[in-house]
Amino acid sequence: MVTYKKKYGIFKVTESWFGSKSGIQNLFGLKAYLHVKNAAPVPLAVKDVTYTIEIPLDREVDEILGSFPKNLRVDIRKAEEAGITTYFHNDIQGFAAFYNDFACKKQVHPISERRLSELGDTLMMSYAVRNGKILSAHSYILDRNESIVRAFRSATIRLEEDVNGIMVGRANKLLHFKDMVHFRGMGIQVYDFGGYAMNTHDAQLQGINNFKEKFGGEIVPCENYYSIPYMILRCIGRRLGILGEIASERNTLSGT
């Protein structure tokens, strides 16, 4: 289980992924348990269900690649032929700047350096680069004990002017594949795409869903549990338009 503390103004929230704890603290504390993997419910907490796509990594690399449709494999190959390379590096300041430029153009909520820092050593970041320019960047929440990694925030330069959108799209696909290979090498067994908008009619979310579906995997439910004080705080934040991310992070739809 990954657990970290997040600060929203004067409030401190404890957020956990892939596991849960039961007890009286769930009645009084600001706590959230997201994508709980065990089947046991969390007493004194409010439950809801979201969805994500998970891809098994406990296979040979060739098998993972071979499970992709032909057009995706071609895009990955062409990205490599174009000289696009990938690497991991936890540059919080650089990632935040890159992501927030994308978020501004896309008109979605930005990410703060503090929010990234709060993830501690569970945070990992990867980049796809061509001719020294970053084309795509991904961030992840990594749980070594549960052997799962979940996409957190991602961005590309596809919304910039005079950009080769096809090249950027290929770079992003290559980066997802190379990320899978990297995490597989670490012994991680599950790659979580960071959310799936089930039964959505929103065209943008449908596009994100379609992108993730190209990589195969399985759509799985995510059981989430929230303490009553946490739910009250989130509702107030939504109604008043404050607390920004706490009102939007329930189901991270990491998509570019």
C-alpha atoms as a PDB file:
ATOM      1  CA  MET A   1       0.000   0.000   0.000  1.00  0.00           C
ATOM      2  CA  VAL A   2       1.224   3.479  -0.908  1.00  0.00           C
ATOM      3  CA  THR A   3       0.341   6.178   1.649  1.00  0.00           C
ATOM      4  CA  TYR A   4       1.205   9.864   1.629  1.00  0.00           C
ATOM      5  CA  LYS A   5      -0.107  13.118   3.075  1.00  0.00           C
ATOM      6  CA  LYS A   6      -1.408  16.014   0.985  1.00  0.00           C
ATOM      7  CA  LYS A   7      -2.068  19.551   2.121  1.00  0.00           C
ATOM      8  CA  TYR A   8      -5.035  21.602   0.895  1.00  0.00           C
ATOM      9  CA  GLY A   9      -4.901  25.000   2.557  1.00  0.00           C
ATOM     10  CA  ILE A  10      -5.214  24.351   6.283  1.00  0.00           C
ATOM     11  CA  PHE A  11      -6.358  20.749   5.725  1.00  0.00           C
ATOM     12  CA  LYS A  12      -4.121  17.691   5.637  1.00  0.00           C
ATOM     13  CA  VAL A  13      -5.430  14.638   3.800  1.00  0.00           C
ATOM     14  CA  THR A  14      -4.026  11.119   4.033  1.00  0.00           C
ATOM     15  CA  GLU A  15      -4.385   9.259   0.755  1.00  0.00           C
ATOM     16  CA  SER A  16      -3.596   5.583   0.206  1.00  0.00           C
ATOM     17  CA  TRP A  17      -3.521   3.502  -2.962  1.00  0.00           C
ATOM     18  CA  PHE A  18      -4.064  -0.244  -3.421  1.00  0.00           C
ATOM     19  CA  GLY A  19      -4.780  -0.982   0.240  1.00  0.00           C
ATOM     20  CA  SER A  20      -6.809   0.114   3.247  1.00  0.00           C
ATOM     21  CA  LYS A  21      -6.975   0.232   7.027  1.00  0.00           C
ATOM     22  CA  SER A  22     -10.069  -0.083   9.168  1.00  0.00           C
ATOM     23  CA  GLY A  23     -10.600   1.695  12.441  1.00  0.00           C
ATOM     24  CA  ILE A  24     -12.110   4.639  14.243  1.00  0.00           C
ATOM     25  CA  GLN A  25      -9.707   7.016  12.437  1.00  0.00           C
ATOM     26  CA  ASN A  26     -11.875   6.640   9.339  1.00  0.00           C
ATOM     27  CA  LEU A  27     -14.738   8.299  11.180  1.00  0.00           C
ATOM     28  CA  PHE A  28     -12.817  11.440  12.151  1.00  0.00           C
ATOM     29  CA  GLY A  29      -9.782  11.735   9.866  1.00  0.00           C
ATOM     30  CA  LEU A  30      -9.468  13.100   6.319  1.00  0.00           C
ATOM     31  CA  LYS A  31      -8.643   9.796   4.659  1.00  0.00           C
ATOM     32  CA  ALA A  32      -9.068   8.232   1.224  1.00  0.00           C
ATOM     33  CA  TYR A  33      -8.302   4.655   0.145  1.00  0.00           C
ATOM     34  CA  LEU A  34      -8.131   4.384  -3.635  1.00  0.00           C
ATOM     35  CA  HIS A  35      -8.227   1.315  -5.894  1.00  0.00           C
ATOM     36  CA  VAL A  36      -8.263  -1.027  -2.901  1.00  0.00           C
ATOM     37  CA  LYS A  37      -7.002  -4.404  -4.087  1.00  0.00           C
ATOM     38  CA  ASN A  38      -8.188  -6.598  -1.228  1.00  0.00           C
ATOM     39  CA  ALA A  39     -11.855  -7.544  -1.086  1.00  0.00           C
ATOM     40  CA  ALA A  40     -12.457  -6.492   2.529  1.00  0.00           C
ATOM     41  CA  PRO A  41     -14.708  -3.399   2.855  1.00  0.00           C
ATOM     42  CA  VAL A  42     -13.608  -0.429   4.938  1.00  0.00           C
ATOM     43  CA  PRO A  43     -15.967   0.212   7.888  1.00  0.00           C
ATOM     44  CA  LEU A  44     -16.977   3.786   8.696  1.00  0.00           C
ATOM     45  CA  ALA A  45     -16.168   4.938   5.172  1.00  0.00           C
ATOM     46  CA  VAL A  46     -18.120   5.855   2.033  1.00  0.00           C
ATOM     47  CA  LYS A  47     -17.545   3.532  -0.922  1.00  0.00           C
ATOM     48  CA  ASP A  48     -17.702   4.268  -4.615  1.00  0.00           C
ATOM     49  CA  VAL A  49     -16.489   2.430  -7.705  1.00  0.00           C
ATOM     50  CA  THR A  50     -14.491   3.810 -10.608  1.00  0.00           C
ATOM     51  CA  TYR A  51     -12.692   1.969 -13.408  1.00  0.00           C
ATOM     52  CA  THR A  52      -9.280   1.627 -14.965  1.00  0.00           C
ATOM     53  CA  ILE A  53      -7.399  -0.494 -17.506  1.00  0.00           C
ATOM     54  CA  GLU A  54      -4.706  -2.853 -16.245  1.00  0.00           C
ATOM     55  CA  ILE A  55      -2.093  -4.570 -18.389  1.00  0.00           C
ATOM     56  CA  PRO A  56      -0.237  -7.645 -17.048  1.00  0.00           C
ATOM     57  CA  LEU A  57       3.542  -7.273 -17.184  1.00  0.00           C
ATOM     58  CA  ASP A  58       4.436 -10.776 -16.006  1.00  0.00           C
ATOM     59  CA  ARG A  59       5.095 -11.835 -19.608  1.00  0.00           C
ATOM     60  CA  GLU A  60       7.983 -11.717 -22.033  1.00  0.00           C
ATOM     61  CA  VAL A  61       8.554  -8.327 -23.668  1.00  0.00           C
ATOM     62  CA  ASP A  62       7.848  -9.793 -27.100  1.00  0.00           C
ATOM     63  CA  GLU A  63       4.534 -11.114 -25.824  1.00  0.00           C
ATOM     64  CA  ILE A  64       3.541  -7.713 -24.467  1.00  0.00           C
ATOM     65  CA  LEU A  65       4.433  -6.044 -27.759  1.00  0.00           C
ATOM     66  CA  GLY A  66       2.803  -8.822 -29.754  1.00  0.00           C
ATOM     67  CA  SER A  67      -0.488  -8.288 -27.911  1.00  0.00           C
ATOM     68  CA  PHE A  68      -0.739  -4.771 -29.388  1.00  0.00           C
ATOM     69  CA  PRO A  69      -2.591  -4.288 -32.687  1.00  0.00           C
ATOM     70  CA  LYS A  70      -0.417  -4.045 -35.796  1.00  0.00           C
ATOM     71  CA  ASN A  71      -0.884  -0.301 -36.295  1.00  0.00           C
ATOM     72  CA  LEU A  72       0.292   0.378 -32.736  1.00  0.00           C
ATOM     73  CA  ARG A  73       3.378  -1.793 -33.220  1.00  0.00           C
ATOM     74  CA  VAL A  74       4.126   0.062 -36.455  1.00  0.00           C
ATOM     75  CA  ASP A  75       3.861   3.440 -34.694  1.00  0.00           C
ATOM     76  CA  ILE A  76       6.234   2.253 -31.962  1.00  0.00           C
ATOM     77  CA  ARG A  77       8.745   1.032 -34.551  1.00  0.00           C
ATOM     78  CA  LYS A  78       8.534   4.270 -36.550  1.00  0.00           C
ATOM     79  CA  ALA A  79       9.063   6.309 -33.384  1.00  0.00           C
ATOM     80  CA  GLU A  80      12.301   4.434 -32.730  1.00  0.00           C
ATOM     81  CA  GLU A  81      13.369   4.780 -36.362  1.00  0.00           C
ATOM     82  CA  ALA A  82      12.788   8.549 -36.083  1.00  0.00           C
ATOM     83  CA  GLY A  83      15.384   8.705 -33.305  1.00  0.00           C
ATOM     84  CA  ILE A  84      13.015   9.104 -30.375  1.00  0.00           C
ATOM     85  CA  THR A  85      14.557   7.905 -27.129  1.00  0.00           C
ATOM     86  CA  THR A  86      13.097   7.473 -23.648  1.00  0.00           C
ATOM     87  CA  TYR A  87      14.453   7.749 -20.137  1.00  0.00           C
ATOM     88  CA  PHE A  88      13.403   8.000 -16.473  1.00  0.00           C
ATOM     89  CA  HIS A  89      14.363  10.996 -14.355  1.00  0.00           C
ATOM     90  CA  ASN A  90      12.569  12.496 -11.335  1.00  0.00           C
ATOM     91  CA  ASP A  91      12.896  16.181 -12.183  1.00  0.00           C
ATOM     92  CA  ILE A  92       9.879  17.514 -10.283  1.00  0.00           C
ATOM     93  CA  GLN A  93      10.386  21.130 -11.282  1.00  0.00           C
ATOM     94  CA  GLY A  94      10.896  20.275 -14.950  1.00  0.00           C
ATOM     95  CA  PHE A  95       7.961  17.879 -15.072  1.00  0.00           C
ATOM     96  CA  ALA A  96       5.615  20.366 -13.398  1.00  0.00           C
ATOM     97  CA  ALA A  97       6.591  23.080 -15.891  1.00  0.00           C
ATOM     98  CA  PHE A  98       6.113  20.739 -18.859  1.00  0.00           C
ATOM     99  CA  TYR A  99       2.795  19.395 -17.584  1.00  0.00           C
ATOM    100  CA  ASN A 100       1.397  22.794 -16.656  1.00  0.00           C
ATOM    101  CA  ASP A 101       2.142  24.222 -20.086  1.00  0.00           C
ATOM    102  CA  PHE A 102       0.103  21.363 -21.535  1.00  0.00           C
ATOM    103  CA  ALA A 103      -2.621  21.755 -18.875  1.00  0.00           C
ATOM    104  CA  CYS A 104      -2.976  25.462 -19.653  1.00  0.00           C
ATOM    105  CA  LYS A 105      -3.486  24.756 -23.359  1.00  0.00           C
ATOM    106  CA  LYS A 106      -5.886  21.908 -22.596  1.00  0.00           C
ATOM    107  CA  GLN A 107      -7.685  23.926 -19.898  1.00  0.00           C
ATOM    108  CA  VAL A 108      -7.359  21.312 -17.163  1.00  0.00           C
ATOM    109  CA  HIS A 109      -6.165  21.735 -13.592  1.00  0.00           C
ATOM    110  CA  PRO A 110      -2.377  22.174 -13.238  1.00  0.00           C
ATOM    111  CA  ILE A 111      -0.130  20.215 -10.898  1.00  0.00           C
ATOM    112  CA  SER A 112       2.048  21.851  -8.262  1.00  0.00           C
ATOM    113  CA  GLU A 113       5.612  20.917  -7.405  1.00  0.00           C
ATOM    114  CA  ARG A 114       4.432  20.443  -3.829  1.00  0.00           C
ATOM    115  CA  ARG A 115       1.797  17.941  -4.911  1.00  0.00           C
ATOM    116  CA  LEU A 116       4.411  15.908  -6.786  1.00  0.00           C
ATOM    117  CA  SER A 117       6.855  16.107  -3.871  1.00  0.00           C
ATOM    118  CA  GLU A 118       4.194  14.763  -1.507  1.00  0.00           C
ATOM    119  CA  LEU A 119       4.314  11.460  -3.379  1.00  0.00           C
ATOM    120  CA  GLY A 120       7.841  10.888  -2.107  1.00  0.00           C
ATOM    121  CA  ASP A 121       9.741   7.879  -3.410  1.00  0.00           C
ATOM    122  CA  THR A 122       6.571   6.351  -4.865  1.00  0.00           C
ATOM    123  CA  LEU A 123       6.779   8.899  -7.717  1.00  0.00           C
ATOM    124  CA  MET A 124       8.482   8.016 -10.998  1.00  0.00           C
ATOM    125  CA  MET A 125       8.739  10.095 -14.188  1.00  0.00           C
ATOM    126  CA  SER A 126       9.614   9.201 -17.762  1.00  0.00           C
ATOM    127  CA  TYR A 127      10.220  11.183 -20.942  1.00  0.00           C
ATOM    128  CA  ALA A 128      10.292  10.703 -24.707  1.00  0.00           C
ATOM    129  CA  VAL A 129      12.811  12.954 -26.455  1.00  0.00           C
ATOM    130  CA  ARG A 130      13.834  13.727 -30.042  1.00  0.00           C
ATOM    131  CA  ASN A 131      16.740  15.993 -30.940  1.00  0.00           C
ATOM    132  CA  GLY A 132      16.955  17.186 -27.348  1.00  0.00           C
ATOM    133  CA  LYS A 133      13.276  18.226 -27.156  1.00  0.00           C
ATOM    134  CA  ILE A 134      10.803  16.540 -24.823  1.00  0.00           C
ATOM    135  CA  LEU A 135       7.758  15.332 -26.761  1.00  0.00           C
ATOM    136  CA  SER A 136       5.964  13.415 -24.025  1.00  0.00           C
ATOM    137  CA  ALA A 137       6.253  12.992 -20.253  1.00  0.00           C
ATOM    138  CA  HIS A 138       4.598  10.531 -17.866  1.00  0.00           C
ATOM    139  CA  SER A 139       4.442  10.326 -14.079  1.00  0.00           C
ATOM    140  CA  TYR A 140       3.511   7.291 -12.014  1.00  0.00           C
ATOM    141  CA  ILE A 141       2.629   6.112  -8.513  1.00  0.00           C
ATOM    142  CA  LEU A 142       4.649   2.953  -7.845  1.00  0.00           C
ATOM    143  CA  ASP A 143       3.775   0.350  -5.229  1.00  0.00           C
ATOM    144  CA  ARG A 144       6.572  -2.194  -5.049  1.00  0.00           C
ATOM    145  CA  ASN A 145       4.869  -4.296  -2.384  1.00  0.00           C
ATOM    146  CA  GLU A 146       1.659  -4.722  -4.376  1.00  0.00           C
ATOM    147  CA  SER A 147       3.708  -4.946  -7.597  1.00  0.00           C
ATOM    148  CA  ILE A 148       1.584  -2.370  -9.417  1.00  0.00           C
ATOM    149  CA  VAL A 149       2.286   0.983 -11.054  1.00  0.00           C
ATOM    150  CA  ARG A 150      -0.435   3.521 -11.878  1.00  0.00           C
ATOM    151  CA  ALA A 151      -0.222   6.394 -14.336  1.00  0.00           C
ATOM    152  CA  PHE A 152      -0.656   9.673 -12.465  1.00  0.00           C
ATOM    153  CA  ARG A 153      -0.193  12.667 -14.794  1.00  0.00           C
ATOM    154  CA  SER A 154       0.981  12.778 -18.407  1.00  0.00           C
ATOM    155  CA  ALA A 155       1.474  15.437 -21.052  1.00  0.00           C
ATOM    156  CA  THR A 156       2.737  15.984 -24.593  1.00  0.00           C
ATOM    157  CA  ILE A 157       3.528  18.957 -26.825  1.00  0.00           C
ATOM    158  CA  ARG A 158       0.771  18.067 -29.295  1.00  0.00           C
ATOM    159  CA  LEU A 159      -1.126  21.305 -28.562  1.00  0.00           C
ATOM    160  CA  GLU A 160       1.800  23.553 -29.432  1.00  0.00           C
ATOM    161  CA  GLU A 161       1.871  25.396 -32.749  1.00  0.00           C
ATOM    162  CA  ASP A 162       3.779  23.966 -35.737  1.00  0.00           C
ATOM    163  CA  VAL A 163       4.130  20.560 -34.125  1.00  0.00           C
ATOM    164  CA  ASN A 164       4.130  17.258 -36.009  1.00  0.00           C
ATOM    165  CA  GLY A 165       1.166  15.673 -34.246  1.00  0.00           C
ATOM    166  CA  ILE A 166       1.778  12.265 -35.777  1.00  0.00           C
ATOM    167  CA  MET A 167       5.357  12.237 -34.486  1.00  0.00           C
ATOM    168  CA  VAL A 168       4.258  13.320 -31.008  1.00  0.00           C
ATOM    169  CA  GLY A 169       1.568  10.638 -30.932  1.00  0.00           C
ATOM    170  CA  ARG A 170       4.101   7.980 -31.876  1.00  0.00           C
ATOM    171  CA  ALA A 171       6.480   9.235 -29.217  1.00  0.00           C
ATOM    172  CA  ASN A 172       3.775   8.948 -26.583  1.00  0.00           C
ATOM    173  CA  LYS A 173       2.930   5.389 -27.625  1.00  0.00           C
ATOM    174  CA  LEU A 174       6.608   4.440 -27.575  1.00  0.00           C
ATOM    175  CA  LEU A 175       6.965   5.948 -24.111  1.00  0.00           C
ATOM    176  CA  HIS A 176       4.070   3.892 -22.732  1.00  0.00           C
ATOM    177  CA  PHE A 177       5.605   0.721 -24.137  1.00  0.00           C
ATOM    178  CA  LYS A 178       9.098   1.536 -22.867  1.00  0.00           C
ATOM    179  CA  ASP A 179       7.628   2.370 -19.464  1.00  0.00           C
ATOM    180  CA  MET A 180       5.991  -1.057 -19.378  1.00  0.00           C
ATOM    181  CA  VAL A 181       9.309  -2.699 -20.238  1.00  0.00           C
ATOM    182  CA  HIS A 182      11.113  -0.698 -17.557  1.00  0.00           C
ATOM    183  CA  PHE A 183       8.613  -1.559 -14.823  1.00  0.00           C
ATOM    184  CA  ARG A 184       8.571  -5.188 -15.913  1.00  0.00           C
ATOM    185  CA  GLY A 185      12.353  -5.193 -15.423  1.00  0.00           C
ATOM    186  CA  MET A 186      11.781  -3.962 -11.867  1.00  0.00           C
ATOM    187  CA  GLY A 187       9.542  -6.956 -11.202  1.00  0.00           C
ATOM    188  CA  ILE A 188       6.286  -5.001 -11.348  1.00  0.00           C
ATOM    189  CA  GLN A 189       3.411  -7.197 -12.510  1.00  0.00           C
ATOM    190  CA  VAL A 190       0.597  -4.737 -13.309  1.00  0.00           C
ATOM    191  CA  TYR A 191       0.576  -1.525 -15.370  1.00  0.00           C
ATOM    192  CA  ASP A 192      -2.448   0.599 -14.481  1.00  0.00           C
ATOM    193  CA  PHE A 193      -3.367   3.201 -17.111  1.00  0.00           C
ATOM    194  CA  GLY A 194      -4.687   5.614 -14.489  1.00  0.00           C
ATOM    195  CA  GLY A 195      -8.430   5.522 -15.008  1.00  0.00           C
ATOM    196  CA  TYR A 196     -11.142   4.699 -17.514  1.00  0.00           C
ATOM    197  CA  ALA A 197     -14.324   6.741 -18.001  1.00  0.00           C
ATOM    198  CA  MET A 198     -16.984   4.033 -18.092  1.00  0.00           C
ATOM    199  CA  ASN A 199     -20.120   4.821 -20.143  1.00  0.00           C
ATOM    200  CA  THR A 200     -19.015   8.380 -20.800  1.00  0.00           C
ATOM    201  CA  HIS A 201     -20.592  10.583 -23.481  1.00  0.00           C
ATOM    202  CA  ASP A 202     -17.794  13.135 -23.273  1.00  0.00           C
ATOM    203  CA  ALA A 203     -15.908  13.109 -26.589  1.00  0.00           C
ATOM    204  CA  GLN A 204     -12.580  13.992 -24.987  1.00  0.00           C
ATOM    205  CA  LEU A 205     -12.835  11.210 -22.411  1.00  0.00           C
ATOM    206  CA  GLN A 206     -13.916   8.789 -25.111  1.00  0.00           C
ATOM    207  CA  GLY A 207     -10.740   9.677 -26.995  1.00  0.00           C
ATOM    208  CA  ILE A 208      -8.622   8.952 -23.920  1.00  0.00           C
ATOM    209  CA  ASN A 209     -10.454   5.646 -23.428  1.00  0.00           C
ATOM    210  CA  ASN A 210      -9.828   4.674 -27.055  1.00  0.00           C
ATOM    211  CA  PHE A 211      -6.124   5.452 -26.738  1.00  0.00           C
ATOM    212  CA  LYS A 212      -5.753   3.226 -23.677  1.00  0.00           C
ATOM    213  CA  GLU A 213      -7.814   0.429 -25.195  1.00  0.00           C
ATOM    214  CA  LYS A 214      -5.314   0.178 -28.069  1.00  0.00           C
ATOM    215  CA  PHE A 215      -2.795  -1.344 -25.673  1.00  0.00           C
ATOM    216  CA  GLY A 216      -5.143  -4.160 -24.702  1.00  0.00           C
ATOM    217  CA  GLY A 217      -5.450  -4.944 -21.041  1.00  0.00           C
ATOM    218  CA  GLU A 218      -8.558  -5.442 -18.957  1.00  0.00           C
ATOM    219  CA  ILE A 219     -11.110  -2.918 -17.747  1.00  0.00           C
ATOM    220  CA  VAL A 220     -11.337  -3.463 -13.985  1.00  0.00           C
ATOM    221  CA  PRO A 221     -13.377  -1.826 -11.205  1.00  0.00           C
ATOM    222  CA  CYS A 222     -11.627   0.260  -8.569  1.00  0.00           C
ATOM    223  CA  GLU A 223     -13.127   0.180  -5.087  1.00  0.00           C
ATOM    224  CA  ASN A 224     -12.540   3.519  -3.373  1.00  0.00           C
ATOM    225  CA  TYR A 225     -13.306   4.380   0.247  1.00  0.00           C
ATOM    226  CA  TYR A 226     -13.519   7.864   1.770  1.00  0.00           C
ATOM    227  CA  SER A 227     -13.879   8.944   5.358  1.00  0.00           C
ATOM    228  CA  ILE A 228     -16.978  11.037   6.004  1.00  0.00           C
ATOM    229  CA  PRO A 229     -14.925  14.187   6.790  1.00  0.00           C
ATOM    230  CA  TYR A 230     -13.044  13.714   3.516  1.00  0.00           C
ATOM    231  CA  MET A 231     -16.311  13.469   1.578  1.00  0.00           C
ATOM    232  CA  ILE A 232     -17.633  16.625   3.253  1.00  0.00           C
ATOM    233  CA  LEU A 233     -14.423  18.509   2.422  1.00  0.00           C
ATOM    234  CA  ARG A 234     -14.555  17.367  -1.202  1.00  0.00           C
ATOM    235  CA  CYS A 235     -18.193  18.376  -1.587  1.00  0.00           C
ATOM    236  CA  ILE A 236     -17.484  21.814  -0.132  1.00  0.00           C
ATOM    237  CA  GLY A 237     -14.529  22.188  -2.469  1.00  0.00           C
ATOM    238  CA  ARG A 238     -16.654  21.352  -5.485  1.00  0.00           C
ATOM    239  CA  ARG A 239     -19.480  23.691  -4.521  1.00  0.00           C
ATOM    240  CA  LEU A 240     -17.236  26.644  -3.764  1.00  0.00           C
ATOM    241  CA  GLY A 241     -14.748  26.043  -6.545  1.00  0.00           C
ATOM    242  CA  ILE A 242     -11.870  25.832  -4.095  1.00  0.00           C
ATOM    243  CA  LEU A 243      -9.401  23.150  -3.062  1.00  0.00           C
ATOM    244  CA  GLY A 244      -8.774  22.550  -6.773  1.00  0.00           C
ATOM    245  CA  GLU A 245      -7.280  19.102  -7.066  1.00  0.00           C
ATOM    246  CA  ILE A 246      -9.173  17.477  -4.200  1.00  0.00           C
ATOM    247  CA  ALA A 247     -12.332  17.982  -6.230  1.00  0.00           C
ATOM    248  CA  SER A 248     -10.852  16.403  -9.338  1.00  0.00           C
ATOM    249  CA  GLU A 249      -8.441  13.653  -8.279  1.00  0.00           C
ATOM    250  CA  ARG A 250     -10.895  10.901  -7.396  1.00  0.00           C
ATOM    251  CA  ASN A 251     -10.379   9.147 -10.700  1.00  0.00           C
ATOM    252  CA  THR A 252      -7.178  10.194 -12.381  1.00  0.00           C
ATOM    253  CA  LEU A 253      -7.767   9.956 -16.108  1.00  0.00           C
ATOM    254  CA  SER A 254      -4.173  10.308 -17.142  1.00  0.00           C
ATOM    255  CA  GLY A 255      -4.420  10.903 -20.850  1.00  0.00           C
ATOM    256  CA  THR A 256      -2.578  12.832 -23.518  1.00  0.00           C
END
